[in-house]
Amino acid sequence: MKFKSLFVALLATSTILGCSSKVDSTAEEKPAATVSPAVEAKLEEVAKISPTISRTIRMVGLKRENECGVAFTESEIMNIGQTNAYFGFFLALTHVVPDKDLDALFTTAEKSFSCDNAEWIKNTKASMESFFLDRQKEEQS
């Protein structure tokens, strides 16, 4: 039943494939971005309300800063939460994926990253569908 819920959520959230920003990312490795004390303080405030939202904003902000050159500032926290299509998609997934699989979800999101939100959504959706199909096959064996 959880698989059906995940599939419905993935299908429903695929409608938010718009709102993407197309920025080319380079294949070269970049050093990990760190957040400023002001951003860290805001993320800690958000974490008091919802640790998942805080973790999601941190992931999106750091990936966009490190890979796309979008500065992760206090105003970017609000921008991510209010307008970023991937944030909405990912947050919906965190509500249908079992708690035991949240780390796998975050890892998949980081590995499937694209500066184009539509592409990132597509990549994450495909990876998570594959993850749960594989699990379902294992459980049936």
Protein backbone atom coordinates (compact mmCIF):
# COMPACT_ATOMS: atom_id res chain seq x y z
CA MET A 1 0.00 0.00 0.00
CA LYS A 2 2.88 2.39 0.79
CA PHE A 3 4.19 1.80 -2.73
CA LYS A 4 0.86 2.89 -4.20
CA SER A 5 0.88 6.02 -2.03
CA LEU A 6 4.41 6.85 -3.16
CA PHE A 7 3.49 6.29 -6.77
CA VAL A 8 0.43 8.55 -6.45
CA ALA A 9 2.54 11.25 -4.80
CA LEU A 10 5.21 10.98 -7.48
CA LEU A 11 2.58 11.16 -10.18
CA ALA A 12 0.76 14.08 -8.58
CA THR A 13 3.89 16.10 -7.94
CA SER A 14 5.15 15.61 -11.47
CA THR A 15 2.71 18.36 -12.42
CA ILE A 16 5.05 20.87 -10.81
CA LEU A 17 7.73 20.21 -13.38
CA GLY A 18 7.52 23.87 -14.41
CA CYS A 19 9.25 26.67 -12.53
CA SER A 20 12.67 25.35 -13.42
CA SER A 21 15.71 27.48 -13.86
CA LYS A 22 18.07 26.25 -16.54
CA VAL A 23 21.67 26.74 -15.50
CA ASP A 24 24.48 24.55 -16.76
CA SER A 25 26.55 22.85 -14.11
CA THR A 26 30.10 21.79 -14.67
CA ALA A 27 31.32 18.26 -14.21
CA GLU A 28 34.29 19.32 -12.10
CA GLU A 29 34.14 18.78 -8.36
CA LYS A 30 33.61 21.88 -6.26
CA PRO A 31 34.39 22.22 -2.57
CA ALA A 32 31.47 21.71 -0.21
CA ALA A 33 29.63 24.91 0.58
CA THR A 34 29.28 26.06 4.16
CA VAL A 35 26.48 28.21 5.45
CA SER A 36 26.90 31.57 7.10
CA PRO A 37 26.09 31.96 10.80
CA ALA A 38 22.95 33.94 9.85
CA VAL A 39 21.72 31.14 7.54
CA GLU A 40 22.57 28.52 10.17
CA ALA A 41 20.55 30.46 12.76
CA LYS A 42 17.52 30.62 10.41
CA LEU A 43 17.79 26.90 9.65
CA GLU A 44 17.89 26.15 13.38
CA GLU A 45 14.72 28.22 13.86
CA VAL A 46 13.01 26.26 11.08
CA ALA A 47 14.24 22.98 12.58
CA LYS A 48 12.36 23.76 15.81
CA ILE A 49 9.15 23.69 13.78
CA SER A 50 10.09 20.96 11.31
CA PRO A 51 13.47 19.23 11.15
CA THR A 52 12.54 17.77 7.75
CA ILE A 53 11.81 21.17 6.23
CA SER A 54 15.06 22.55 7.63
CA ARG A 55 17.05 19.59 6.29
CA THR A 56 15.36 19.91 2.89
CA ILE A 57 16.03 23.65 2.62
CA ARG A 58 19.66 23.05 3.64
CA MET A 59 20.08 20.35 1.00
CA VAL A 60 18.48 22.40 -1.78
CA GLY A 61 20.33 25.57 -0.78
CA LEU A 62 23.74 23.93 -0.56
CA LYS A 63 23.31 21.99 -3.81
CA ARG A 64 22.21 25.14 -5.66
CA GLU A 65 25.07 27.16 -4.18
CA ASN A 66 27.72 24.54 -4.84
CA GLU A 67 26.55 23.41 -8.27
CA CYS A 68 24.68 26.39 -9.75
CA GLY A 69 26.32 29.41 -8.14
CA VAL A 70 23.14 30.60 -6.36
CA ALA A 71 24.21 32.14 -3.04
CA PHE A 72 22.61 30.43 -0.04
CA THR A 73 21.52 33.47 1.95
CA GLU A 74 18.73 34.22 4.41
CA SER A 75 16.56 35.48 1.56
CA GLU A 76 17.31 32.33 -0.44
CA ILE A 77 15.85 30.28 2.43
CA MET A 78 12.55 32.08 1.88
CA ASN A 79 12.87 31.79 -1.89
CA ILE A 80 13.38 28.02 -1.66
CA GLY A 81 10.45 27.58 0.69
CA GLN A 82 8.07 29.76 -1.30
CA THR A 83 8.96 29.26 -4.96
CA ASN A 84 11.29 26.32 -5.54
CA ALA A 85 9.45 23.55 -7.40
CA TYR A 86 11.90 20.87 -6.24
CA PHE A 87 11.37 21.83 -2.60
CA GLY A 88 7.60 21.28 -2.96
CA PHE A 89 8.09 18.00 -4.78
CA PHE A 90 10.63 16.71 -2.28
CA LEU A 91 8.64 17.76 0.77
CA ALA A 92 5.63 15.84 -0.59
CA LEU A 93 7.84 12.76 -0.93
CA THR A 94 9.02 13.02 2.67
CA HIS A 95 5.40 12.60 3.75
CA VAL A 96 4.81 9.35 1.85
CA VAL A 97 8.21 7.69 2.16
CA PRO A 98 8.54 5.60 5.33
CA ASP A 99 10.75 7.21 7.99
CA LYS A 100 13.27 4.37 7.65
CA ASP A 101 13.83 5.42 4.00
CA LEU A 102 14.30 9.18 4.52
CA ASP A 103 18.09 8.97 4.47
CA ALA A 104 17.91 7.04 1.17
CA LEU A 105 15.58 9.72 -0.18
CA PHE A 106 17.99 12.53 0.73
CA THR A 107 20.93 10.60 -0.72
CA THR A 108 19.02 9.98 -3.94
CA ALA A 109 18.12 13.66 -4.18
CA GLU A 110 21.73 14.72 -3.76
CA LYS A 111 23.00 12.21 -6.31
CA SER A 112 20.33 13.04 -8.88
CA PHE A 113 20.83 16.82 -8.62
CA SER A 114 20.42 19.13 -11.59
CA CYS A 115 20.33 22.93 -11.63
CA ASP A 116 17.18 22.51 -13.71
CA ASN A 117 14.41 21.77 -11.20
CA ALA A 118 12.35 19.87 -13.78
CA GLU A 119 15.30 17.60 -14.53
CA TRP A 120 16.04 17.15 -10.81
CA ILE A 121 12.42 16.16 -10.17
CA LYS A 122 12.49 13.73 -13.10
CA ASN A 123 15.78 12.17 -11.92
CA THR A 124 14.65 11.82 -8.31
CA LYS A 125 11.28 10.40 -9.34
CA ALA A 126 12.92 7.76 -11.54
CA SER A 127 15.47 6.82 -8.86
CA MET A 128 12.87 6.48 -6.11
CA GLU A 129 10.50 4.47 -8.29
CA SER A 130 13.39 2.12 -9.05
CA PHE A 131 14.34 1.97 -5.35
CA PHE A 132 10.84 0.91 -4.31
CA LEU A 133 10.32 -1.47 -7.23
CA ASP A 134 13.57 -3.23 -6.30
CA ARG A 135 12.47 -3.42 -2.68
CA GLN A 136 9.08 -4.81 -3.67
CA LYS A 137 10.79 -7.50 -5.79
CA GLU A 138 13.05 -8.43 -2.85
CA GLU A 139 10.08 -8.72 -0.50
CA GLN A 140 8.28 -10.99 -2.96
CA SER A 141 11.31 -13.28 -3.27
